[in-house]
N, C-alpha and C. Protein backbone atom coordinates (compact mmCIF):
# COMPACT_ATOMS: atom_id res chain seq x y z
N UNK A 1 -46.11 -23.20 -13.80
CA UNK A 1 -46.29 -24.51 -14.39
C UNK A 1 -45.44 -24.67 -15.63
N UNK A 2 -44.85 -25.83 -15.79
CA UNK A 2 -44.04 -26.13 -16.97
C UNK A 2 -44.67 -27.29 -17.72
N UNK A 3 -44.87 -27.14 -19.03
CA UNK A 3 -45.42 -28.19 -19.87
C UNK A 3 -44.31 -28.75 -20.76
N UNK A 4 -44.06 -30.04 -20.63
CA UNK A 4 -43.06 -30.73 -21.44
C UNK A 4 -43.78 -31.59 -22.46
N UNK A 5 -43.57 -31.33 -23.74
CA UNK A 5 -44.18 -32.12 -24.80
C UNK A 5 -43.13 -33.06 -25.39
N UNK A 6 -43.49 -34.33 -25.50
CA UNK A 6 -42.61 -35.34 -26.10
C UNK A 6 -43.13 -35.61 -27.50
N UNK A 7 -42.35 -35.23 -28.50
CA UNK A 7 -42.86 -35.22 -29.87
C UNK A 7 -41.91 -35.89 -30.85
N UNK A 8 -42.50 -36.55 -31.83
CA UNK A 8 -41.81 -37.07 -33.01
C UNK A 8 -42.89 -37.64 -33.92
N UNK A 9 -42.89 -37.29 -35.20
CA UNK A 9 -43.95 -37.79 -36.09
C UNK A 9 -43.84 -39.28 -36.38
N UNK A 10 -42.70 -39.88 -36.06
CA UNK A 10 -42.50 -41.31 -36.30
C UNK A 10 -43.08 -42.11 -35.14
N UNK A 11 -43.82 -43.15 -35.44
CA UNK A 11 -44.37 -44.00 -34.40
C UNK A 11 -43.34 -44.97 -33.86
N UNK A 12 -43.52 -45.43 -32.63
CA UNK A 12 -42.68 -46.46 -32.06
C UNK A 12 -41.28 -46.04 -31.69
N UNK A 13 -41.04 -44.73 -31.48
CA UNK A 13 -39.70 -44.26 -31.16
C UNK A 13 -39.45 -44.14 -29.66
N UNK A 14 -40.49 -44.36 -28.85
CA UNK A 14 -40.30 -44.31 -27.40
C UNK A 14 -40.90 -43.08 -26.74
N UNK A 15 -41.87 -42.44 -27.40
CA UNK A 15 -42.48 -41.25 -26.81
C UNK A 15 -43.17 -41.55 -25.47
N UNK A 16 -43.90 -42.65 -25.43
CA UNK A 16 -44.62 -42.99 -24.19
C UNK A 16 -43.65 -43.38 -23.07
N UNK A 17 -42.58 -44.07 -23.42
CA UNK A 17 -41.57 -44.42 -22.42
C UNK A 17 -40.97 -43.17 -21.82
N UNK A 18 -40.62 -42.22 -22.66
CA UNK A 18 -40.07 -40.96 -22.16
C UNK A 18 -41.11 -40.19 -21.34
N UNK A 19 -42.32 -40.09 -21.86
CA UNK A 19 -43.37 -39.31 -21.19
C UNK A 19 -43.67 -39.83 -19.79
N UNK A 20 -43.83 -41.14 -19.67
CA UNK A 20 -44.19 -41.71 -18.36
C UNK A 20 -43.04 -41.59 -17.37
N UNK A 21 -41.82 -41.73 -17.84
CA UNK A 21 -40.68 -41.62 -16.92
C UNK A 21 -40.41 -40.17 -16.53
N UNK A 22 -40.66 -39.24 -17.44
CA UNK A 22 -40.54 -37.82 -17.09
C UNK A 22 -41.59 -37.48 -16.02
N UNK A 23 -42.81 -37.97 -16.21
CA UNK A 23 -43.85 -37.74 -15.21
C UNK A 23 -43.45 -38.34 -13.87
N UNK A 24 -42.84 -39.52 -13.90
CA UNK A 24 -42.37 -40.15 -12.66
C UNK A 24 -41.28 -39.35 -11.99
N UNK A 25 -40.41 -38.75 -12.79
CA UNK A 25 -39.35 -37.91 -12.24
C UNK A 25 -39.93 -36.68 -11.55
N UNK A 26 -40.85 -36.02 -12.22
CA UNK A 26 -41.48 -34.84 -11.62
C UNK A 26 -42.25 -35.21 -10.35
N UNK A 27 -42.92 -36.36 -10.36
CA UNK A 27 -43.68 -36.79 -9.19
C UNK A 27 -42.75 -37.00 -8.00
N UNK A 28 -41.55 -37.49 -8.25
CA UNK A 28 -40.59 -37.70 -7.17
C UNK A 28 -40.18 -36.38 -6.53
N UNK A 29 -40.22 -35.30 -7.32
CA UNK A 29 -39.85 -33.99 -6.80
C UNK A 29 -40.94 -33.39 -5.91
N UNK A 30 -42.14 -33.87 -6.04
CA UNK A 30 -43.25 -33.31 -5.27
C UNK A 30 -44.03 -32.31 -6.11
N UNK A 31 -45.12 -31.81 -5.58
CA UNK A 31 -45.98 -30.92 -6.34
C UNK A 31 -46.94 -31.71 -7.21
N UNK A 32 -47.91 -31.02 -7.75
CA UNK A 32 -48.93 -31.68 -8.58
C UNK A 32 -48.40 -31.92 -9.99
N UNK A 33 -48.51 -33.17 -10.43
CA UNK A 33 -48.03 -33.57 -11.75
C UNK A 33 -49.19 -34.19 -12.52
N UNK A 34 -49.33 -33.82 -13.79
CA UNK A 34 -50.35 -34.45 -14.64
C UNK A 34 -49.71 -34.94 -15.93
N UNK A 35 -50.31 -35.98 -16.49
CA UNK A 35 -49.82 -36.60 -17.71
C UNK A 35 -50.95 -36.63 -18.72
N UNK A 36 -50.73 -36.02 -19.89
CA UNK A 36 -51.73 -36.02 -20.95
C UNK A 36 -51.31 -36.90 -22.11
N UNK A 37 -52.30 -37.40 -22.85
CA UNK A 37 -52.02 -38.33 -23.94
C UNK A 37 -52.98 -38.06 -25.09
N UNK A 38 -52.46 -37.57 -26.21
CA UNK A 38 -53.30 -37.35 -27.38
C UNK A 38 -52.94 -38.32 -28.51
N UNK A 39 -52.25 -39.39 -28.15
CA UNK A 39 -51.94 -40.45 -29.11
C UNK A 39 -53.13 -41.41 -29.17
N UNK A 40 -53.45 -41.92 -30.35
CA UNK A 40 -54.57 -42.85 -30.50
C UNK A 40 -54.40 -44.10 -29.66
N UNK A 41 -53.18 -44.56 -29.51
CA UNK A 41 -52.94 -45.79 -28.75
C UNK A 41 -53.16 -45.61 -27.25
N UNK A 42 -53.06 -44.36 -26.77
CA UNK A 42 -53.33 -44.05 -25.36
C UNK A 42 -52.43 -44.85 -24.41
N UNK A 43 -51.18 -45.06 -24.79
CA UNK A 43 -50.27 -45.85 -23.96
C UNK A 43 -50.01 -45.20 -22.61
N UNK A 44 -49.82 -43.89 -22.60
CA UNK A 44 -49.57 -43.21 -21.33
C UNK A 44 -50.79 -43.26 -20.42
N UNK A 45 -51.97 -43.15 -20.99
CA UNK A 45 -53.19 -43.23 -20.19
C UNK A 45 -53.35 -44.64 -19.61
N UNK A 46 -53.02 -45.66 -20.40
CA UNK A 46 -53.07 -47.03 -19.89
C UNK A 46 -52.07 -47.22 -18.77
N UNK A 47 -50.90 -46.62 -18.91
CA UNK A 47 -49.88 -46.67 -17.86
C UNK A 47 -50.41 -46.06 -16.57
N UNK A 48 -51.08 -44.94 -16.68
CA UNK A 48 -51.66 -44.30 -15.50
C UNK A 48 -52.69 -45.20 -14.83
N UNK A 49 -53.46 -45.91 -15.64
CA UNK A 49 -54.48 -46.80 -15.09
C UNK A 49 -53.88 -47.94 -14.29
N UNK A 50 -52.64 -48.32 -14.62
CA UNK A 50 -51.96 -49.41 -13.91
C UNK A 50 -51.20 -48.92 -12.68
N UNK A 51 -51.10 -47.62 -12.51
CA UNK A 51 -50.26 -47.08 -11.44
C UNK A 51 -50.85 -47.41 -10.07
N UNK A 52 -50.05 -47.99 -9.18
CA UNK A 52 -50.56 -48.38 -7.86
C UNK A 52 -50.86 -47.18 -6.98
N UNK A 53 -51.81 -47.33 -6.09
CA UNK A 53 -52.20 -46.24 -5.20
C UNK A 53 -51.06 -45.80 -4.31
N UNK A 54 -50.15 -46.72 -3.99
CA UNK A 54 -49.05 -46.39 -3.09
C UNK A 54 -47.98 -45.54 -3.77
N UNK A 55 -47.99 -45.48 -5.11
CA UNK A 55 -46.99 -44.70 -5.84
C UNK A 55 -47.29 -43.21 -5.73
N UNK A 56 -46.26 -42.40 -5.94
CA UNK A 56 -46.46 -40.95 -5.91
C UNK A 56 -47.51 -40.57 -6.95
N UNK A 57 -48.45 -39.71 -6.58
CA UNK A 57 -49.58 -39.44 -7.48
C UNK A 57 -49.19 -38.68 -8.75
N UNK A 58 -49.77 -39.13 -9.84
CA UNK A 58 -49.69 -38.44 -11.13
C UNK A 58 -51.11 -38.36 -11.66
N UNK A 59 -51.61 -37.16 -11.87
CA UNK A 59 -52.97 -36.99 -12.32
C UNK A 59 -53.11 -37.12 -13.83
N UNK A 60 -54.34 -37.30 -14.25
CA UNK A 60 -54.64 -37.39 -15.68
C UNK A 60 -54.97 -36.00 -16.21
N UNK A 61 -54.26 -35.60 -17.23
CA UNK A 61 -54.53 -34.33 -17.91
C UNK A 61 -55.53 -34.64 -19.01
N UNK A 62 -56.78 -34.32 -18.77
CA UNK A 62 -57.84 -34.66 -19.70
C UNK A 62 -57.90 -33.65 -20.84
N UNK A 63 -57.31 -34.03 -21.93
CA UNK A 63 -57.34 -33.20 -23.13
C UNK A 63 -57.43 -34.11 -24.33
N UNK A 64 -57.77 -33.56 -25.46
CA UNK A 64 -57.89 -34.33 -26.69
C UNK A 64 -57.40 -33.48 -27.85
N UNK A 65 -57.31 -34.08 -29.01
CA UNK A 65 -56.86 -33.34 -30.19
C UNK A 65 -57.79 -32.19 -30.52
N UNK A 66 -59.05 -32.28 -30.07
CA UNK A 66 -60.02 -31.23 -30.34
C UNK A 66 -60.19 -30.26 -29.18
N UNK A 67 -59.55 -30.54 -28.06
CA UNK A 67 -59.71 -29.71 -26.87
C UNK A 67 -58.38 -29.64 -26.13
N UNK A 68 -57.50 -28.74 -26.57
CA UNK A 68 -56.14 -28.66 -26.05
C UNK A 68 -56.01 -27.53 -25.03
N UNK A 69 -56.66 -27.69 -23.90
CA UNK A 69 -56.60 -26.67 -22.86
C UNK A 69 -55.43 -26.94 -21.91
N UNK A 70 -54.84 -25.86 -21.41
CA UNK A 70 -53.75 -25.99 -20.44
C UNK A 70 -54.28 -26.58 -19.14
N UNK A 71 -53.42 -27.23 -18.38
CA UNK A 71 -53.84 -27.77 -17.08
C UNK A 71 -54.21 -26.64 -16.11
N UNK A 72 -54.81 -27.02 -15.00
CA UNK A 72 -55.19 -26.05 -13.97
C UNK A 72 -53.94 -25.36 -13.43
N UNK A 73 -54.12 -24.16 -12.90
CA UNK A 73 -53.01 -23.34 -12.45
C UNK A 73 -52.22 -23.95 -11.30
N UNK A 74 -52.86 -24.81 -10.51
CA UNK A 74 -52.16 -25.39 -9.36
C UNK A 74 -51.19 -26.49 -9.76
N UNK A 75 -51.21 -26.90 -11.03
CA UNK A 75 -50.33 -27.98 -11.50
C UNK A 75 -48.90 -27.45 -11.61
N UNK A 76 -47.96 -28.18 -11.03
CA UNK A 76 -46.55 -27.78 -11.07
C UNK A 76 -45.88 -28.21 -12.37
N UNK A 77 -46.18 -29.44 -12.81
CA UNK A 77 -45.56 -29.99 -14.02
C UNK A 77 -46.59 -30.77 -14.82
N UNK A 78 -46.57 -30.58 -16.13
CA UNK A 78 -47.45 -31.32 -17.03
C UNK A 78 -46.61 -31.93 -18.15
N UNK A 79 -46.91 -33.18 -18.48
CA UNK A 79 -46.19 -33.90 -19.53
C UNK A 79 -47.21 -34.31 -20.59
N UNK A 80 -46.87 -34.09 -21.85
CA UNK A 80 -47.79 -34.40 -22.94
C UNK A 80 -47.18 -35.41 -23.89
N UNK A 81 -47.83 -36.55 -24.02
CA UNK A 81 -47.44 -37.60 -24.96
C UNK A 81 -48.20 -37.36 -26.26
N UNK A 82 -47.48 -37.23 -27.36
CA UNK A 82 -48.11 -36.84 -28.63
C UNK A 82 -48.12 -38.01 -29.62
N UNK A 83 -48.97 -37.91 -30.65
CA UNK A 83 -49.13 -39.04 -31.57
C UNK A 83 -48.11 -39.06 -32.70
N UNK A 84 -48.04 -40.22 -33.36
CA UNK A 84 -47.30 -40.32 -34.61
C UNK A 84 -48.02 -39.47 -35.66
N UNK A 85 -47.27 -39.00 -36.64
CA UNK A 85 -47.87 -38.19 -37.69
C UNK A 85 -48.26 -36.80 -37.24
N UNK A 86 -47.63 -36.32 -36.17
CA UNK A 86 -47.96 -34.99 -35.64
C UNK A 86 -47.62 -33.91 -36.66
N UNK A 87 -48.64 -33.15 -37.08
CA UNK A 87 -48.42 -32.07 -38.03
C UNK A 87 -49.66 -31.18 -38.05
N UNK A 88 -49.60 -30.15 -38.85
CA UNK A 88 -50.77 -29.31 -39.08
C UNK A 88 -51.33 -28.66 -37.83
N UNK A 89 -52.66 -28.68 -37.72
CA UNK A 89 -53.35 -27.99 -36.64
C UNK A 89 -52.96 -28.54 -35.27
N UNK A 90 -52.86 -29.88 -35.16
CA UNK A 90 -52.54 -30.47 -33.86
C UNK A 90 -51.13 -30.08 -33.43
N UNK A 91 -50.17 -30.09 -34.35
CA UNK A 91 -48.81 -29.65 -34.02
C UNK A 91 -48.84 -28.20 -33.53
N UNK A 92 -49.59 -27.36 -34.21
CA UNK A 92 -49.70 -25.96 -33.81
C UNK A 92 -50.23 -25.84 -32.39
N UNK A 93 -51.24 -26.63 -32.05
CA UNK A 93 -51.84 -26.58 -30.71
C UNK A 93 -50.87 -27.10 -29.65
N UNK A 94 -50.14 -28.16 -29.98
CA UNK A 94 -49.14 -28.71 -29.05
C UNK A 94 -48.07 -27.67 -28.76
N UNK A 95 -47.60 -26.99 -29.80
CA UNK A 95 -46.53 -26.01 -29.64
C UNK A 95 -46.99 -24.79 -28.86
N UNK A 96 -48.27 -24.47 -28.93
CA UNK A 96 -48.81 -23.38 -28.12
C UNK A 96 -48.71 -23.70 -26.63
N UNK A 97 -48.86 -24.97 -26.30
CA UNK A 97 -48.86 -25.40 -24.90
C UNK A 97 -47.45 -25.59 -24.34
N UNK A 98 -46.52 -26.01 -25.20
CA UNK A 98 -45.22 -26.51 -24.73
C UNK A 98 -44.29 -25.41 -24.24
N UNK A 99 -43.69 -25.65 -23.07
CA UNK A 99 -42.61 -24.81 -22.57
C UNK A 99 -41.25 -25.43 -22.88
N UNK A 100 -41.25 -26.73 -23.08
CA UNK A 100 -40.06 -27.48 -23.47
C UNK A 100 -40.49 -28.63 -24.37
N UNK A 101 -39.64 -28.99 -25.32
CA UNK A 101 -39.94 -30.07 -26.24
C UNK A 101 -38.79 -31.08 -26.21
N UNK A 102 -39.14 -32.34 -26.04
CA UNK A 102 -38.15 -33.42 -26.11
C UNK A 102 -38.49 -34.30 -27.31
N UNK A 103 -37.49 -34.57 -28.14
CA UNK A 103 -37.67 -35.38 -29.34
C UNK A 103 -36.88 -36.68 -29.20
N UNK A 104 -37.57 -37.81 -29.03
CA UNK A 104 -36.86 -39.10 -28.97
C UNK A 104 -36.52 -39.57 -30.38
N UNK A 105 -35.41 -40.27 -30.48
CA UNK A 105 -34.92 -40.70 -31.79
C UNK A 105 -34.20 -42.04 -31.66
N UNK A 106 -34.59 -43.00 -32.51
CA UNK A 106 -33.96 -44.31 -32.50
C UNK A 106 -32.91 -44.43 -33.61
N UNK A 107 -31.96 -45.36 -33.43
CA UNK A 107 -30.90 -45.55 -34.44
C UNK A 107 -31.40 -46.32 -35.65
N UNK A 108 -32.24 -45.68 -36.44
CA UNK A 108 -32.80 -46.27 -37.65
C UNK A 108 -32.80 -45.20 -38.73
N UNK A 109 -32.45 -45.56 -39.94
CA UNK A 109 -32.39 -44.58 -41.02
C UNK A 109 -33.77 -43.97 -41.27
N UNK A 110 -34.83 -44.77 -41.06
CA UNK A 110 -36.18 -44.26 -41.28
C UNK A 110 -36.56 -43.25 -40.20
N UNK A 111 -36.17 -43.54 -38.96
CA UNK A 111 -36.43 -42.62 -37.86
C UNK A 111 -35.64 -41.33 -38.04
N UNK A 112 -34.39 -41.46 -38.45
CA UNK A 112 -33.53 -40.28 -38.64
C UNK A 112 -34.10 -39.39 -39.74
N UNK A 113 -34.55 -39.99 -40.84
CA UNK A 113 -35.08 -39.22 -41.95
C UNK A 113 -36.35 -38.48 -41.53
N UNK A 114 -37.27 -39.19 -40.87
CA UNK A 114 -38.52 -38.57 -40.43
C UNK A 114 -38.27 -37.47 -39.42
N UNK A 115 -37.33 -37.70 -38.52
CA UNK A 115 -37.04 -36.71 -37.49
C UNK A 115 -36.36 -35.48 -38.07
N UNK A 116 -35.51 -35.68 -39.06
CA UNK A 116 -34.83 -34.56 -39.72
C UNK A 116 -35.85 -33.62 -40.34
N UNK A 117 -36.85 -34.18 -41.00
CA UNK A 117 -37.90 -33.37 -41.60
C UNK A 117 -38.72 -32.65 -40.53
N UNK A 118 -39.02 -33.36 -39.46
CA UNK A 118 -39.82 -32.77 -38.38
C UNK A 118 -39.08 -31.61 -37.71
N UNK A 119 -37.80 -31.79 -37.45
CA UNK A 119 -37.03 -30.73 -36.81
C UNK A 119 -36.93 -29.49 -37.70
N UNK A 120 -36.86 -29.70 -39.01
CA UNK A 120 -36.85 -28.57 -39.93
C UNK A 120 -38.19 -27.83 -39.86
N UNK A 121 -39.28 -28.59 -39.81
CA UNK A 121 -40.60 -27.97 -39.69
C UNK A 121 -40.73 -27.23 -38.36
N UNK A 122 -40.19 -27.84 -37.32
CA UNK A 122 -40.25 -27.24 -35.99
C UNK A 122 -39.51 -25.91 -35.96
N UNK A 123 -38.36 -25.87 -36.59
CA UNK A 123 -37.54 -24.65 -36.60
C UNK A 123 -38.24 -23.50 -37.32
N UNK A 124 -39.09 -23.84 -38.28
CA UNK A 124 -39.78 -22.81 -39.06
C UNK A 124 -41.10 -22.38 -38.42
N UNK A 125 -41.57 -23.14 -37.44
CA UNK A 125 -42.88 -22.88 -36.86
C UNK A 125 -42.79 -21.75 -35.83
N UNK A 126 -43.55 -20.73 -36.02
CA UNK A 126 -43.43 -19.56 -35.14
C UNK A 126 -43.78 -19.87 -33.69
N UNK A 127 -44.67 -20.84 -33.47
CA UNK A 127 -45.04 -21.18 -32.10
C UNK A 127 -43.92 -21.94 -31.37
N UNK A 128 -42.96 -22.47 -32.13
CA UNK A 128 -41.85 -23.21 -31.51
C UNK A 128 -40.63 -22.34 -31.28
N UNK A 129 -40.62 -21.15 -31.86
CA UNK A 129 -39.45 -20.30 -31.75
C UNK A 129 -39.26 -19.84 -30.31
N UNK A 130 -38.07 -20.07 -29.79
CA UNK A 130 -37.78 -19.70 -28.42
C UNK A 130 -38.07 -20.80 -27.41
N UNK A 131 -38.73 -21.89 -27.84
CA UNK A 131 -39.01 -23.02 -26.95
C UNK A 131 -37.81 -23.98 -26.98
N UNK A 132 -37.21 -24.28 -25.82
CA UNK A 132 -36.06 -25.20 -25.80
C UNK A 132 -36.42 -26.58 -26.34
N UNK A 133 -35.56 -27.12 -27.19
CA UNK A 133 -35.75 -28.45 -27.77
C UNK A 133 -34.54 -29.31 -27.42
N UNK A 134 -34.78 -30.51 -26.92
CA UNK A 134 -33.71 -31.44 -26.59
C UNK A 134 -33.92 -32.78 -27.27
N UNK A 135 -32.83 -33.46 -27.60
CA UNK A 135 -32.88 -34.74 -28.30
C UNK A 135 -32.46 -35.86 -27.34
N UNK A 136 -33.18 -36.98 -27.41
CA UNK A 136 -32.82 -38.16 -26.61
C UNK A 136 -32.72 -39.37 -27.54
N UNK A 137 -31.57 -40.01 -27.56
CA UNK A 137 -31.40 -41.25 -28.31
C UNK A 137 -32.04 -42.40 -27.55
N UNK A 138 -32.87 -43.18 -28.22
CA UNK A 138 -33.62 -44.26 -27.58
C UNK A 138 -33.15 -45.63 -28.07
N UNK A 139 -33.14 -46.59 -27.13
CA UNK A 139 -32.80 -47.99 -27.45
C UNK A 139 -31.48 -48.08 -28.19
N UNK A 140 -30.49 -47.43 -27.61
CA UNK A 140 -29.18 -47.31 -28.26
C UNK A 140 -28.23 -48.38 -27.75
N UNK A 141 -27.65 -49.12 -28.67
CA UNK A 141 -26.60 -50.09 -28.37
C UNK A 141 -25.31 -49.52 -28.95
N UNK A 142 -24.43 -49.04 -28.08
CA UNK A 142 -23.22 -48.37 -28.51
C UNK A 142 -22.28 -49.22 -29.34
N UNK A 143 -22.52 -50.52 -29.41
CA UNK A 143 -21.63 -51.42 -30.15
C UNK A 143 -22.00 -51.53 -31.62
N UNK A 144 -23.08 -50.90 -32.04
CA UNK A 144 -23.57 -51.09 -33.40
C UNK A 144 -23.22 -49.92 -34.31
N UNK A 145 -23.19 -50.19 -35.62
CA UNK A 145 -22.95 -49.16 -36.62
C UNK A 145 -24.11 -48.16 -36.62
N UNK A 146 -25.33 -48.66 -36.42
CA UNK A 146 -26.50 -47.78 -36.40
C UNK A 146 -26.38 -46.76 -35.27
N UNK A 147 -25.83 -47.19 -34.15
CA UNK A 147 -25.65 -46.28 -33.03
C UNK A 147 -24.64 -45.18 -33.39
N UNK A 148 -23.56 -45.57 -34.07
CA UNK A 148 -22.56 -44.59 -34.48
C UNK A 148 -23.16 -43.57 -35.45
N UNK A 149 -23.98 -44.05 -36.38
CA UNK A 149 -24.64 -43.16 -37.33
C UNK A 149 -25.60 -42.21 -36.62
N UNK A 150 -26.29 -42.72 -35.59
CA UNK A 150 -27.20 -41.88 -34.82
C UNK A 150 -26.45 -40.78 -34.10
N UNK A 151 -25.33 -41.13 -33.49
CA UNK A 151 -24.50 -40.14 -32.79
C UNK A 151 -24.07 -39.04 -33.76
N UNK A 152 -23.62 -39.43 -34.94
CA UNK A 152 -23.15 -38.45 -35.92
C UNK A 152 -24.28 -37.53 -36.35
N UNK A 153 -25.46 -38.10 -36.56
CA UNK A 153 -26.60 -37.30 -36.99
C UNK A 153 -27.02 -36.31 -35.91
N UNK A 154 -27.15 -36.80 -34.68
CA UNK A 154 -27.62 -35.94 -33.59
C UNK A 154 -26.62 -34.81 -33.32
N UNK A 155 -25.34 -35.15 -33.32
CA UNK A 155 -24.33 -34.13 -33.01
C UNK A 155 -24.27 -33.04 -34.08
N UNK A 156 -24.78 -33.34 -35.26
CA UNK A 156 -24.79 -32.35 -36.33
C UNK A 156 -26.03 -31.48 -36.36
N UNK A 157 -26.95 -31.70 -35.42
CA UNK A 157 -28.20 -30.96 -35.43
C UNK A 157 -28.09 -29.57 -34.82
N UNK A 158 -27.10 -29.37 -33.97
CA UNK A 158 -26.99 -28.10 -33.28
C UNK A 158 -27.98 -27.95 -32.14
N UNK A 159 -28.53 -29.06 -31.67
CA UNK A 159 -29.46 -29.06 -30.55
C UNK A 159 -28.84 -29.84 -29.40
N UNK A 160 -29.23 -29.54 -28.16
CA UNK A 160 -28.66 -30.28 -27.03
C UNK A 160 -29.05 -31.75 -27.04
N UNK A 161 -28.06 -32.60 -26.85
CA UNK A 161 -28.29 -34.03 -26.72
C UNK A 161 -28.42 -34.33 -25.23
N UNK A 162 -29.59 -34.70 -24.78
CA UNK A 162 -29.84 -34.87 -23.36
C UNK A 162 -29.36 -36.21 -22.84
N UNK A 163 -29.29 -37.20 -23.71
CA UNK A 163 -28.82 -38.50 -23.27
C UNK A 163 -29.10 -39.57 -24.30
N UNK A 164 -28.49 -40.73 -24.07
CA UNK A 164 -28.71 -41.92 -24.89
C UNK A 164 -29.16 -43.03 -23.95
N UNK A 165 -30.36 -43.56 -24.18
CA UNK A 165 -30.92 -44.57 -23.31
C UNK A 165 -30.79 -45.95 -23.94
N UNK A 166 -30.34 -46.90 -23.16
CA UNK A 166 -30.13 -48.25 -23.67
C UNK A 166 -31.46 -49.00 -23.84
N UNK A 167 -31.40 -50.06 -24.60
CA UNK A 167 -32.55 -50.94 -24.80
C UNK A 167 -32.54 -51.96 -23.67
N UNK A 168 -33.45 -51.79 -22.71
CA UNK A 168 -33.48 -52.68 -21.54
C UNK A 168 -34.91 -53.03 -21.18
N UNK A 169 -35.09 -54.23 -20.63
CA UNK A 169 -36.42 -54.67 -20.21
C UNK A 169 -36.89 -53.96 -18.95
N UNK A 170 -36.01 -53.19 -18.32
CA UNK A 170 -36.44 -52.45 -17.13
C UNK A 170 -37.64 -51.56 -17.43
N UNK A 171 -37.60 -50.88 -18.57
CA UNK A 171 -38.71 -50.00 -18.94
C UNK A 171 -40.00 -50.80 -19.15
N UNK A 172 -39.88 -51.94 -19.79
CA UNK A 172 -41.04 -52.78 -20.09
C UNK A 172 -41.67 -53.31 -18.81
N UNK A 173 -40.85 -53.84 -17.92
CA UNK A 173 -41.36 -54.43 -16.67
C UNK A 173 -42.00 -53.36 -15.78
N UNK A 174 -41.37 -52.22 -15.68
CA UNK A 174 -41.91 -51.15 -14.84
C UNK A 174 -43.21 -50.60 -15.42
N UNK A 175 -43.25 -50.42 -16.75
CA UNK A 175 -44.44 -49.87 -17.39
C UNK A 175 -45.66 -50.76 -17.17
N UNK A 176 -45.45 -52.06 -17.12
CA UNK A 176 -46.56 -52.99 -16.92
C UNK A 176 -47.25 -52.79 -15.58
N UNK A 177 -46.55 -52.15 -14.65
CA UNK A 177 -47.11 -51.90 -13.31
C UNK A 177 -47.38 -50.42 -13.06
N UNK A 178 -47.32 -49.61 -14.12
CA UNK A 178 -47.58 -48.19 -13.96
C UNK A 178 -46.49 -47.47 -13.19
N UNK A 179 -45.26 -47.95 -13.31
CA UNK A 179 -44.15 -47.38 -12.57
C UNK A 179 -43.09 -46.83 -13.52
N UNK A 180 -42.25 -45.96 -12.98
CA UNK A 180 -41.13 -45.40 -13.73
C UNK A 180 -39.83 -45.77 -13.02
N UNK A 181 -38.71 -45.40 -13.63
CA UNK A 181 -37.41 -45.63 -12.99
C UNK A 181 -37.33 -44.94 -11.64
N UNK A 182 -38.09 -43.87 -11.48
CA UNK A 182 -37.98 -43.03 -10.29
C UNK A 182 -38.93 -43.46 -9.17
N UNK A 183 -39.58 -44.60 -9.38
CA UNK A 183 -40.49 -45.13 -8.37
C UNK A 183 -39.92 -46.33 -7.62
N UNK A 184 -38.77 -46.81 -8.04
CA UNK A 184 -38.23 -48.03 -7.45
C UNK A 184 -36.88 -47.73 -6.78
N UNK A 185 -36.40 -48.68 -6.01
CA UNK A 185 -35.12 -48.53 -5.34
C UNK A 185 -34.02 -48.25 -6.37
N UNK A 186 -33.25 -47.17 -6.19
CA UNK A 186 -32.25 -46.80 -7.20
C UNK A 186 -31.29 -47.92 -7.56
N UNK A 187 -30.97 -48.79 -6.61
CA UNK A 187 -30.04 -49.87 -6.88
C UNK A 187 -30.53 -50.83 -7.95
N UNK A 188 -31.83 -50.88 -8.18
CA UNK A 188 -32.39 -51.78 -9.20
C UNK A 188 -32.15 -51.25 -10.61
N UNK A 189 -31.97 -49.95 -10.73
CA UNK A 189 -31.90 -49.32 -12.06
C UNK A 189 -30.75 -48.32 -12.14
N UNK A 190 -29.66 -48.62 -11.47
CA UNK A 190 -28.53 -47.68 -11.36
C UNK A 190 -28.05 -47.20 -12.72
N UNK A 191 -27.80 -48.12 -13.62
CA UNK A 191 -27.26 -47.74 -14.93
C UNK A 191 -28.23 -46.85 -15.69
N UNK A 192 -29.52 -47.15 -15.60
CA UNK A 192 -30.51 -46.36 -16.31
C UNK A 192 -30.64 -44.96 -15.72
N UNK A 193 -30.60 -44.85 -14.42
CA UNK A 193 -30.67 -43.53 -13.79
C UNK A 193 -29.46 -42.68 -14.18
N UNK A 194 -28.31 -43.30 -14.33
CA UNK A 194 -27.13 -42.57 -14.78
C UNK A 194 -27.37 -41.99 -16.18
N UNK A 195 -28.02 -42.76 -17.06
CA UNK A 195 -28.28 -42.29 -18.41
C UNK A 195 -29.33 -41.18 -18.42
N UNK A 196 -30.14 -41.12 -17.39
CA UNK A 196 -31.18 -40.10 -17.30
C UNK A 196 -30.69 -38.79 -16.70
N UNK A 197 -29.48 -38.76 -16.19
CA UNK A 197 -29.02 -37.58 -15.46
C UNK A 197 -29.07 -36.32 -16.32
N UNK A 198 -28.61 -36.42 -17.56
CA UNK A 198 -28.61 -35.25 -18.45
C UNK A 198 -30.01 -34.78 -18.76
N UNK A 199 -30.95 -35.71 -18.91
CA UNK A 199 -32.35 -35.34 -19.15
C UNK A 199 -32.91 -34.59 -17.95
N UNK A 200 -32.66 -35.12 -16.77
CA UNK A 200 -33.16 -34.50 -15.54
C UNK A 200 -32.57 -33.11 -15.34
N UNK A 201 -31.29 -32.97 -15.60
CA UNK A 201 -30.64 -31.66 -15.45
C UNK A 201 -31.28 -30.64 -16.40
N UNK A 202 -31.57 -31.07 -17.63
CA UNK A 202 -32.17 -30.17 -18.62
C UNK A 202 -33.59 -29.78 -18.22
N UNK A 203 -34.34 -30.73 -17.69
CA UNK A 203 -35.69 -30.45 -17.25
C UNK A 203 -35.72 -29.47 -16.09
N UNK A 204 -34.69 -29.52 -15.26
CA UNK A 204 -34.65 -28.65 -14.08
C UNK A 204 -34.03 -27.27 -14.36
N UNK A 205 -33.41 -27.13 -15.51
CA UNK A 205 -32.69 -25.88 -15.81
C UNK A 205 -33.65 -24.71 -15.96
């Protein structure tokens, strides 16, 4: 079993978008997939509640900030959506579970500053040592100065950049129906699937 934790102490950076689409990707591969949500907003859990019966099954990983147990042994892939302000005891528990960590980051000076501090804390945390960490740029418009600044910041981190995802309503429309990019006809989301290729390759490595 592989546990992928999507983490960033900054709120609104796209953790739930990444978490639900990663779960959708794993579900497309087959095997038992579960999605956990320890964020107060419970966005990933709400997404699961909207998921149609005809879609590939994704189970609910029932855990909480006070009860961070690993999924059952028969689970092939588990995805964990984490809250804003992740630190202290809860961060320690998340890192104990994680086999891989993905950090989403938006082109905002506030997001960059918060993420820089978090990555420094992550590097010093003994439970994170040896756990692969990947960065994903979220809601990136390559035509903007903010996007250029984000690229410069990420490339200076010394961590793998898994991809840059554009700001598109595809994610919003699909999420409203409990679906991911990997649940619909590829022709509907061709450009987005291309941007996800590096993320998928890293998850499968």
